Amino acid sequence: MTELGPVAWPPAPIRTERLVLRESEARDRTAFIELFASSEVHTYLGGPRPRDELEREVPETPGRRPGLFVIDVDGAMIGMVKLDRHDAESPGHVRPDVGEAELGYLFLPEAWGRGYGAEACAAALDWFADALPGKPVVLRTQTANERSMRLAAKLGFTEVERYEDYGAEQWFGVWSSVTRSG
């Protein structure tokens, strides 16, 4: 996993009480298209992409790359969680010299409000803490995205700063396995 460091990818599927975090498969293509075409999902992410464009451009097995987990419930993809290297050019840094990992997530609207986000992200963060001990993880979200703000707090992210970007106030926080509870 060169984007984040020396981690073998893909790991074995991660099982939680209700979910499986796994590598993407061809059967997930329709759900990926739904995620990227959903106006609800992309309310705070610059808007959805056109479905016809996605049908042409999304590969047969989308999302197959280090750091991206498909979130699976009973054999069906309900979302994704990813850990990427935080772009050095992006606003917000804890330690710019380190190149922190950044947590991102998208869930289909029918999966909202069931605690899947907290369960999946906590499992991904635990995996990351075991794979790369002591490395910080950052998270950016619009302050207007109340669900994402609540999730960041529930996961134990600490606010570092707020800034203006994309015409809206952004929240930037950090999580560390060194200070995590549990």
C-alpha atoms as a PDB file:
ATOM      1  CA  MET A   1       0.000   0.000   0.000  1.00  0.00           C
ATOM      2  CA  THR A   2       2.388   2.643  -1.220  1.00  0.00           C
ATOM      3  CA  GLU A   3      -0.038   5.563  -0.749  1.00  0.00           C
ATOM      4  CA  LEU A   4       0.031   5.206   3.042  1.00  0.00           C
ATOM      5  CA  GLY A   5       3.105   3.172   3.738  1.00  0.00           C
ATOM      6  CA  PRO A   6       4.355  -0.403   3.824  1.00  0.00           C
ATOM      7  CA  VAL A   7       1.078  -2.298   4.223  1.00  0.00           C
ATOM      8  CA  ALA A   8       0.130  -5.501   2.429  1.00  0.00           C
ATOM      9  CA  TRP A   9      -3.016  -4.961   0.372  1.00  0.00           C
ATOM     10  CA  PRO A  10      -5.677  -6.204   0.329  1.00  0.00           C
ATOM     11  CA  PRO A  11      -5.991  -7.322   3.928  1.00  0.00           C
ATOM     12  CA  ALA A  12      -8.295 -10.168   4.872  1.00  0.00           C
ATOM     13  CA  PRO A  13     -11.914  -8.983   5.055  1.00  0.00           C
ATOM     14  CA  ILE A  14     -12.653  -7.134   8.291  1.00  0.00           C
ATOM     15  CA  ARG A  15     -15.774  -8.373  10.062  1.00  0.00           C
ATOM     16  CA  THR A  16     -17.723  -6.291  12.551  1.00  0.00           C
ATOM     17  CA  GLU A  17     -20.981  -7.143  14.284  1.00  0.00           C
ATOM     18  CA  ARG A  18     -23.046  -6.310  11.174  1.00  0.00           C
ATOM     19  CA  LEU A  19     -20.614  -5.476   8.381  1.00  0.00           C
ATOM     20  CA  VAL A  20     -17.806  -6.820   6.251  1.00  0.00           C
ATOM     21  CA  LEU A  21     -15.134  -4.423   4.977  1.00  0.00           C
ATOM     22  CA  ARG A  22     -13.576  -5.978   1.907  1.00  0.00           C
ATOM     23  CA  GLU A  23     -11.886  -5.307  -1.395  1.00  0.00           C
ATOM     24  CA  SER A  24     -14.100  -4.223  -4.290  1.00  0.00           C
ATOM     25  CA  GLU A  25     -15.519  -6.830  -6.666  1.00  0.00           C
ATOM     26  CA  ALA A  26     -17.217  -6.586 -10.067  1.00  0.00           C
ATOM     27  CA  ARG A  27     -20.635  -7.073  -8.410  1.00  0.00           C
ATOM     28  CA  ASP A  28     -20.167  -3.683  -6.682  1.00  0.00           C
ATOM     29  CA  ARG A  29     -20.161  -1.640  -9.907  1.00  0.00           C
ATOM     30  CA  THR A  30     -23.861  -0.722  -9.769  1.00  0.00           C
ATOM     31  CA  ALA A  31     -23.558   0.461  -6.155  1.00  0.00           C
ATOM     32  CA  PHE A  32     -20.497   2.583  -7.010  1.00  0.00           C
ATOM     33  CA  ILE A  33     -22.444   4.236  -9.818  1.00  0.00           C
ATOM     34  CA  GLU A  34     -25.350   4.864  -7.433  1.00  0.00           C
ATOM     35  CA  LEU A  35     -22.977   6.449  -4.902  1.00  0.00           C
ATOM     36  CA  PHE A  36     -21.399   8.801  -7.437  1.00  0.00           C
ATOM     37  CA  ALA A  37     -24.689   9.686  -9.175  1.00  0.00           C
ATOM     38  CA  SER A  38     -26.666  10.379  -5.982  1.00  0.00           C
ATOM     39  CA  SER A  39     -27.519  14.010  -5.375  1.00  0.00           C
ATOM     40  CA  GLU A  40     -28.177  13.151  -1.701  1.00  0.00           C
ATOM     41  CA  VAL A  41     -24.749  11.573  -1.236  1.00  0.00           C
ATOM     42  CA  HIS A  42     -23.015  14.476  -2.975  1.00  0.00           C
ATOM     43  CA  THR A  43     -24.871  17.363  -1.303  1.00  0.00           C
ATOM     44  CA  TYR A  44     -21.625  18.482   0.380  1.00  0.00           C
ATOM     45  CA  LEU A  45     -19.225  17.111  -2.230  1.00  0.00           C
ATOM     46  CA  GLY A  46     -19.790  19.359  -5.215  1.00  0.00           C
ATOM     47  CA  GLY A  47     -22.820  17.558  -6.621  1.00  0.00           C
ATOM     48  CA  PRO A  48     -23.380  14.228  -8.355  1.00  0.00           C
ATOM     49  CA  ARG A  49     -21.836  13.069 -11.610  1.00  0.00           C
ATOM     50  CA  PRO A  50     -24.092  12.284 -14.591  1.00  0.00           C
ATOM     51  CA  ARG A  51     -25.183   8.631 -14.600  1.00  0.00           C
ATOM     52  CA  ASP A  52     -24.513   8.152 -18.337  1.00  0.00           C
ATOM     53  CA  GLU A  53     -20.952   9.423 -17.858  1.00  0.00           C
ATOM     54  CA  LEU A  54     -20.459   7.037 -14.925  1.00  0.00           C
ATOM     55  CA  GLU A  55     -21.835   4.096 -16.918  1.00  0.00           C
ATOM     56  CA  ARG A  56     -19.159   4.765 -19.545  1.00  0.00           C
ATOM     57  CA  GLU A  57     -16.253   5.531 -17.206  1.00  0.00           C
ATOM     58  CA  VAL A  58     -16.594   3.308 -14.132  1.00  0.00           C
ATOM     59  CA  PRO A  59     -14.421   0.229 -14.632  1.00  0.00           C
ATOM     60  CA  GLU A  60     -15.772  -3.309 -14.431  1.00  0.00           C
ATOM     61  CA  THR A  61     -14.308  -3.604 -10.926  1.00  0.00           C
ATOM     62  CA  PRO A  62     -14.358  -0.075  -9.493  1.00  0.00           C
ATOM     63  CA  GLY A  63     -12.515   1.047  -6.402  1.00  0.00           C
ATOM     64  CA  ARG A  64      -9.932  -1.691  -6.487  1.00  0.00           C
ATOM     65  CA  ARG A  65      -7.019   0.126  -4.964  1.00  0.00           C
ATOM     66  CA  PRO A  66      -5.076   0.187  -1.716  1.00  0.00           C
ATOM     67  CA  GLY A  67      -6.892   1.899   1.121  1.00  0.00           C
ATOM     68  CA  LEU A  68     -10.440   1.479  -0.215  1.00  0.00           C
ATOM     69  CA  PHE A  69     -12.830  -0.860   1.565  1.00  0.00           C
ATOM     70  CA  VAL A  70     -16.287  -1.755   0.296  1.00  0.00           C
ATOM     71  CA  ILE A  71     -18.808  -1.870   3.126  1.00  0.00           C
ATOM     72  CA  ASP A  72     -20.925  -4.974   2.747  1.00  0.00           C
ATOM     73  CA  VAL A  73     -24.146  -5.930   4.535  1.00  0.00           C
ATOM     74  CA  ASP A  74     -25.526  -9.387   3.799  1.00  0.00           C
ATOM     75  CA  GLY A  75     -23.552  -9.619   0.547  1.00  0.00           C
ATOM     76  CA  ALA A  76     -24.501  -6.186  -0.814  1.00  0.00           C
ATOM     77  CA  MET A  77     -22.406  -3.014  -0.985  1.00  0.00           C
ATOM     78  CA  ILE A  78     -23.919  -0.146   1.046  1.00  0.00           C
ATOM     79  CA  GLY A  79     -20.961   2.209   0.871  1.00  0.00           C
ATOM     80  CA  MET A  80     -17.223   2.597   1.006  1.00  0.00           C
ATOM     81  CA  VAL A  81     -14.591   3.835   3.388  1.00  0.00           C
ATOM     82  CA  LYS A  82     -11.118   4.831   2.276  1.00  0.00           C
ATOM     83  CA  LEU A  83      -7.827   5.839   3.744  1.00  0.00           C
ATOM     84  CA  ASP A  84      -5.756   7.914   1.310  1.00  0.00           C
ATOM     85  CA  ARG A  85      -2.673  10.038   1.662  1.00  0.00           C
ATOM     86  CA  HIS A  86      -3.808  13.570   2.507  1.00  0.00           C
ATOM     87  CA  ASP A  87      -2.859  15.830  -0.388  1.00  0.00           C
ATOM     88  CA  ALA A  88       0.039  18.091   0.615  1.00  0.00           C
ATOM     89  CA  GLU A  89      -1.512  20.930  -1.425  1.00  0.00           C
ATOM     90  CA  SER A  90      -4.859  20.712   0.406  1.00  0.00           C
ATOM     91  CA  PRO A  91      -5.642  23.018   3.311  1.00  0.00           C
ATOM     92  CA  GLY A  92      -5.225  21.605   6.790  1.00  0.00           C
ATOM     93  CA  HIS A  93      -2.303  19.614   8.102  1.00  0.00           C
ATOM     94  CA  VAL A  94      -1.189  18.237  11.399  1.00  0.00           C
ATOM     95  CA  ARG A  95       2.337  17.452  10.214  1.00  0.00           C
ATOM     96  CA  PRO A  96       2.825  18.368   6.534  1.00  0.00           C
ATOM     97  CA  ASP A  97       6.192  16.593   6.485  1.00  0.00           C
ATOM     98  CA  VAL A  98       4.540  13.259   7.317  1.00  0.00           C
ATOM     99  CA  GLY A  99       1.751  13.102   4.732  1.00  0.00           C
ATOM    100  CA  GLU A 100      -1.069  11.993   6.984  1.00  0.00           C
ATOM    101  CA  ALA A 101      -3.703   9.489   5.993  1.00  0.00           C
ATOM    102  CA  GLU A 102      -7.141  10.951   5.306  1.00  0.00           C
ATOM    103  CA  LEU A 103     -10.381   9.120   6.100  1.00  0.00           C
ATOM    104  CA  GLY A 104     -13.219   9.373   3.595  1.00  0.00           C
ATOM    105  CA  TYR A 105     -16.564   7.598   3.373  1.00  0.00           C
ATOM    106  CA  LEU A 106     -19.693   7.445   1.250  1.00  0.00           C
ATOM    107  CA  PHE A 107     -22.893   5.532   2.019  1.00  0.00           C
ATOM    108  CA  LEU A 108     -25.994   4.931  -0.038  1.00  0.00           C
ATOM    109  CA  PRO A 109     -28.901   6.954   1.415  1.00  0.00           C
ATOM    110  CA  GLU A 110     -30.856   3.819   2.342  1.00  0.00           C
ATOM    111  CA  ALA A 111     -27.999   2.912   4.729  1.00  0.00           C
ATOM    112  CA  TRP A 112     -28.058   6.275   6.555  1.00  0.00           C
ATOM    113  CA  GLY A 113     -29.145   6.560  10.167  1.00  0.00           C
ATOM    114  CA  ARG A 114     -28.342   2.960  11.169  1.00  0.00           C
ATOM    115  CA  GLY A 115     -24.888   3.427  12.691  1.00  0.00           C
ATOM    116  CA  TYR A 116     -23.124   1.755   9.777  1.00  0.00           C
ATOM    117  CA  GLY A 117     -20.842   4.751   9.263  1.00  0.00           C
ATOM    118  CA  ALA A 118     -19.508   4.673  12.818  1.00  0.00           C
ATOM    119  CA  GLU A 119     -19.132   0.884  12.747  1.00  0.00           C
ATOM    120  CA  ALA A 120     -17.338   0.787   9.392  1.00  0.00           C
ATOM    121  CA  CYS A 121     -15.076   3.786  10.024  1.00  0.00           C
ATOM    122  CA  ALA A 122     -14.122   2.549  13.510  1.00  0.00           C
ATOM    123  CA  ALA A 123     -13.176  -0.839  12.012  1.00  0.00           C
ATOM    124  CA  ALA A 124     -11.103   0.846   9.282  1.00  0.00           C
ATOM    125  CA  LEU A 125      -9.374   3.081  11.841  1.00  0.00           C
ATOM    126  CA  ASP A 126      -8.614   0.069  14.071  1.00  0.00           C
ATOM    127  CA  TRP A 127      -7.143  -1.748  11.066  1.00  0.00           C
ATOM    128  CA  PHE A 128      -5.061   1.330  10.214  1.00  0.00           C
ATOM    129  CA  ALA A 129      -3.824   1.687  13.815  1.00  0.00           C
ATOM    130  CA  ASP A 130      -2.657  -1.933  13.789  1.00  0.00           C
ATOM    131  CA  ALA A 131      -1.097  -1.651  10.313  1.00  0.00           C
ATOM    132  CA  LEU A 132       0.642   1.711  10.872  1.00  0.00           C
ATOM    133  CA  PRO A 133       0.865   2.303  14.646  1.00  0.00           C
ATOM    134  CA  GLY A 134       1.071   5.901  15.806  1.00  0.00           C
ATOM    135  CA  LYS A 135       0.277   7.447  12.402  1.00  0.00           C
ATOM    136  CA  PRO A 136      -2.354  10.207  12.544  1.00  0.00           C
ATOM    137  CA  VAL A 137      -5.492  10.172  10.403  1.00  0.00           C
ATOM    138  CA  VAL A 138      -7.176  13.390   9.298  1.00  0.00           C
ATOM    139  CA  LEU A 139     -10.720  14.154   8.228  1.00  0.00           C
ATOM    140  CA  ARG A 140     -12.197  17.089   6.325  1.00  0.00           C
ATOM    141  CA  THR A 141     -15.884  17.867   6.031  1.00  0.00           C
ATOM    142  CA  GLN A 142     -18.152  20.849   5.592  1.00  0.00           C
ATOM    143  CA  THR A 143     -19.444  22.157   8.901  1.00  0.00           C
ATOM    144  CA  ALA A 144     -22.916  22.201   7.296  1.00  0.00           C
ATOM    145  CA  ASN A 145     -22.741  18.402   6.948  1.00  0.00           C
ATOM    146  CA  GLU A 146     -24.222  17.633  10.356  1.00  0.00           C
ATOM    147  CA  ARG A 147     -24.120  13.844   9.898  1.00  0.00           C
ATOM    148  CA  SER A 148     -20.429  13.911   9.053  1.00  0.00           C
ATOM    149  CA  MET A 149     -19.677  16.275  11.948  1.00  0.00           C
ATOM    150  CA  ARG A 150     -21.454  13.903  14.378  1.00  0.00           C
ATOM    151  CA  LEU A 151     -19.575  10.930  12.949  1.00  0.00           C
ATOM    152  CA  ALA A 152     -16.211  12.704  13.327  1.00  0.00           C
ATOM    153  CA  ALA A 153     -16.990  13.405  16.990  1.00  0.00           C
ATOM    154  CA  LYS A 154     -18.205   9.847  17.612  1.00  0.00           C
ATOM    155  CA  LEU A 155     -15.004   8.427  16.088  1.00  0.00           C
ATOM    156  CA  GLY A 156     -12.834  10.623  18.327  1.00  0.00           C
ATOM    157  CA  PHE A 157     -11.527  13.154  15.806  1.00  0.00           C
ATOM    158  CA  THR A 158     -10.324  16.386  17.403  1.00  0.00           C
ATOM    159  CA  GLU A 159     -10.788  19.705  15.638  1.00  0.00           C
ATOM    160  CA  VAL A 160      -7.575  21.275  14.402  1.00  0.00           C
ATOM    161  CA  GLU A 161      -8.969  24.152  12.369  1.00  0.00           C
ATOM    162  CA  ARG A 162     -11.795  25.535  10.275  1.00  0.00           C
ATOM    163  CA  TYR A 163     -11.264  27.252   6.966  1.00  0.00           C
ATOM    164  CA  GLU A 164     -13.149  28.460   3.929  1.00  0.00           C
ATOM    165  CA  ASP A 165     -12.946  26.342   0.764  1.00  0.00           C
ATOM    166  CA  TYR A 166     -15.338  25.438  -2.066  1.00  0.00           C
ATOM    167  CA  GLY A 167     -17.481  28.391  -0.962  1.00  0.00           C
ATOM    168  CA  ALA A 168     -18.260  26.867   2.451  1.00  0.00           C
ATOM    169  CA  GLU A 169     -16.790  26.509   5.928  1.00  0.00           C
ATOM    170  CA  GLN A 170     -14.711  23.332   6.213  1.00  0.00           C
ATOM    171  CA  TRP A 171     -13.837  21.410   9.343  1.00  0.00           C
ATOM    172  CA  PHE A 172     -10.447  19.713   9.698  1.00  0.00           C
ATOM    173  CA  GLY A 173      -9.767  17.215  12.474  1.00  0.00           C
ATOM    174  CA  VAL A 174      -7.253  14.583  13.509  1.00  0.00           C
ATOM    175  CA  TRP A 175      -7.432  11.129  15.044  1.00  0.00           C
ATOM    176  CA  SER A 176      -4.539   9.223  16.525  1.00  0.00           C
ATOM    177  CA  SER A 177      -4.273   5.624  17.615  1.00  0.00           C
ATOM    178  CA  VAL A 178      -2.014   6.851  20.424  1.00  0.00           C
ATOM    179  CA  THR A 179      -4.883   8.787  22.014  1.00  0.00           C
ATOM    180  CA  ARG A 180      -7.823   6.618  20.930  1.00  0.00           C
ATOM    181  CA  SER A 181     -10.098   5.173  23.543  1.00  0.00           C
ATOM    182  CA  GLY A 182     -11.001   1.520  23.523  1.00  0.00           C
END
